[in-house]
N, C-alpha and C. Protein backbone atom coordinates (compact mmCIF):
# COMPACT_ATOMS: atom_id res chain seq x y z
N MET A 1 -18.99 15.64 -21.96
CA MET A 1 -18.70 14.72 -20.88
C MET A 1 -17.22 14.84 -20.51
N GLU A 2 -16.96 15.05 -19.24
CA GLU A 2 -15.59 15.21 -18.77
C GLU A 2 -15.01 13.84 -18.41
N LEU A 3 -13.83 13.58 -18.92
CA LEU A 3 -13.15 12.32 -18.59
C LEU A 3 -12.36 12.51 -17.30
N HIS A 4 -12.45 11.53 -16.44
CA HIS A 4 -11.75 11.57 -15.17
C HIS A 4 -10.72 10.45 -15.17
N ALA A 5 -9.46 10.82 -15.17
CA ALA A 5 -8.40 9.81 -15.10
C ALA A 5 -8.36 9.27 -13.67
N ARG A 6 -8.53 7.98 -13.55
CA ARG A 6 -8.53 7.38 -12.21
C ARG A 6 -7.10 7.29 -11.68
N THR A 7 -6.97 7.50 -10.39
CA THR A 7 -5.65 7.38 -9.77
C THR A 7 -5.30 5.90 -9.66
N ILE A 8 -4.04 5.63 -9.37
CA ILE A 8 -3.61 4.25 -9.20
C ILE A 8 -4.36 3.60 -8.04
N PHE A 9 -4.71 4.39 -7.03
CA PHE A 9 -5.43 3.87 -5.87
C PHE A 9 -6.87 3.50 -6.25
N GLU A 10 -7.51 4.33 -7.06
CA GLU A 10 -8.86 4.02 -7.53
C GLU A 10 -8.85 2.76 -8.40
N ARG A 11 -7.84 2.67 -9.26
CA ARG A 11 -7.74 1.49 -10.13
C ARG A 11 -7.50 0.23 -9.31
N GLU A 12 -6.66 0.33 -8.29
CA GLU A 12 -6.35 -0.82 -7.44
C GLU A 12 -7.59 -1.25 -6.66
N LEU A 13 -8.30 -0.28 -6.10
CA LEU A 13 -9.52 -0.59 -5.35
C LEU A 13 -10.61 -1.20 -6.23
N ALA A 14 -10.59 -0.85 -7.51
CA ALA A 14 -11.56 -1.41 -8.46
C ALA A 14 -11.17 -2.82 -8.90
N GLY A 15 -10.03 -3.30 -8.42
CA GLY A 15 -9.62 -4.66 -8.75
C GLY A 15 -8.72 -4.77 -9.96
N GLU A 16 -8.32 -3.65 -10.51
CA GLU A 16 -7.43 -3.68 -11.67
C GLU A 16 -6.06 -4.20 -11.25
N VAL A 17 -5.48 -5.03 -12.07
CA VAL A 17 -4.13 -5.51 -11.80
C VAL A 17 -3.16 -4.37 -12.09
N ILE A 18 -2.33 -4.06 -11.11
CA ILE A 18 -1.36 -2.97 -11.27
C ILE A 18 0.00 -3.59 -11.55
N SER A 19 0.55 -3.26 -12.69
CA SER A 19 1.85 -3.78 -13.09
C SER A 19 2.96 -3.05 -12.35
N LEU A 20 4.04 -3.76 -12.08
CA LEU A 20 5.21 -3.13 -11.47
C LEU A 20 5.80 -2.08 -12.40
N ASP A 21 5.48 -2.16 -13.68
CA ASP A 21 5.96 -1.19 -14.67
C ASP A 21 5.06 0.03 -14.78
N ASP A 22 3.94 0.05 -14.06
CA ASP A 22 3.02 1.18 -14.11
C ASP A 22 3.77 2.45 -13.67
N PRO A 23 3.66 3.53 -14.40
CA PRO A 23 4.38 4.75 -14.04
C PRO A 23 3.99 5.30 -12.66
N ASP A 24 2.81 4.95 -12.16
CA ASP A 24 2.37 5.42 -10.84
C ASP A 24 2.66 4.42 -9.73
N TYR A 25 3.28 3.29 -10.07
CA TYR A 25 3.53 2.25 -9.06
C TYR A 25 4.32 2.76 -7.85
N PRO A 26 5.28 3.67 -7.99
CA PRO A 26 5.99 4.15 -6.81
C PRO A 26 5.08 4.71 -5.71
N GLN A 27 3.91 5.21 -6.09
CA GLN A 27 2.95 5.71 -5.08
C GLN A 27 2.45 4.56 -4.21
N ILE A 28 2.13 3.45 -4.84
CA ILE A 28 1.67 2.26 -4.10
C ILE A 28 2.83 1.68 -3.29
N TYR A 29 4.00 1.62 -3.92
CA TYR A 29 5.17 1.03 -3.26
C TYR A 29 5.53 1.80 -1.99
N ALA A 30 5.40 3.11 -2.01
CA ALA A 30 5.69 3.91 -0.82
C ALA A 30 4.76 3.52 0.33
N ILE A 31 3.51 3.25 0.04
CA ILE A 31 2.55 2.84 1.07
C ILE A 31 2.87 1.43 1.57
N ILE A 32 3.25 0.55 0.65
CA ILE A 32 3.63 -0.81 1.04
C ILE A 32 4.83 -0.77 1.99
N ARG A 33 5.84 0.02 1.65
CA ARG A 33 7.04 0.13 2.49
C ARG A 33 6.67 0.70 3.87
N ARG A 34 5.79 1.68 3.90
CA ARG A 34 5.36 2.27 5.18
C ARG A 34 4.62 1.23 6.02
N ALA A 35 3.77 0.43 5.39
CA ALA A 35 3.03 -0.61 6.11
C ALA A 35 3.99 -1.66 6.68
N ILE A 36 4.99 -2.03 5.91
CA ILE A 36 5.99 -3.00 6.40
C ILE A 36 6.73 -2.42 7.61
N HIS A 37 7.11 -1.15 7.51
CA HIS A 37 7.81 -0.50 8.61
C HIS A 37 6.94 -0.44 9.87
N LEU A 38 5.69 -0.04 9.71
CA LEU A 38 4.78 0.04 10.87
C LEU A 38 4.54 -1.33 11.48
N THR A 39 4.40 -2.35 10.64
CA THR A 39 4.20 -3.71 11.14
C THR A 39 5.41 -4.16 11.95
N SER A 40 6.59 -3.85 11.46
CA SER A 40 7.81 -4.19 12.19
C SER A 40 7.85 -3.51 13.54
N GLU A 41 7.48 -2.24 13.58
CA GLU A 41 7.45 -1.52 14.85
C GLU A 41 6.44 -2.12 15.82
N LEU A 42 5.26 -2.45 15.32
CA LEU A 42 4.24 -3.05 16.18
C LEU A 42 4.69 -4.41 16.70
N ASN A 43 5.29 -5.21 15.85
CA ASN A 43 5.77 -6.52 16.28
C ASN A 43 6.87 -6.39 17.34
N ALA A 44 7.70 -5.38 17.26
CA ALA A 44 8.75 -5.16 18.23
C ALA A 44 8.19 -4.74 19.58
N MET A 45 6.98 -4.20 19.60
CA MET A 45 6.36 -3.75 20.84
C MET A 45 5.60 -4.86 21.56
N LEU A 46 5.39 -5.98 20.92
CA LEU A 46 4.60 -7.04 21.53
C LEU A 46 5.27 -7.55 22.80
N VAL A 47 4.47 -7.70 23.83
CA VAL A 47 4.96 -8.20 25.10
C VAL A 47 4.11 -9.41 25.46
N ASP A 48 4.76 -10.49 25.82
CA ASP A 48 4.04 -11.68 26.25
C ASP A 48 3.78 -11.56 27.75
N ASP A 49 2.53 -11.34 28.15
CA ASP A 49 2.17 -11.16 29.55
C ASP A 49 2.35 -12.43 30.37
N ASN A 50 2.49 -13.59 29.73
CA ASN A 50 2.64 -14.84 30.44
C ASN A 50 4.06 -15.08 30.94
N GLU A 51 4.99 -14.27 30.51
CA GLU A 51 6.38 -14.47 30.92
C GLU A 51 6.69 -13.72 32.18
């Protein structure tokens, strides 16, 4: 039987609590930072059509 080491993403999707001390945490953190950046860009593009 072959053992398959789950990635941090698989573990996170399975509901496992991911510690900030996890050696793979920087992979998740990079995605979080990208999401924050994209959200900021999208919010800056919002135009209120009522004005």
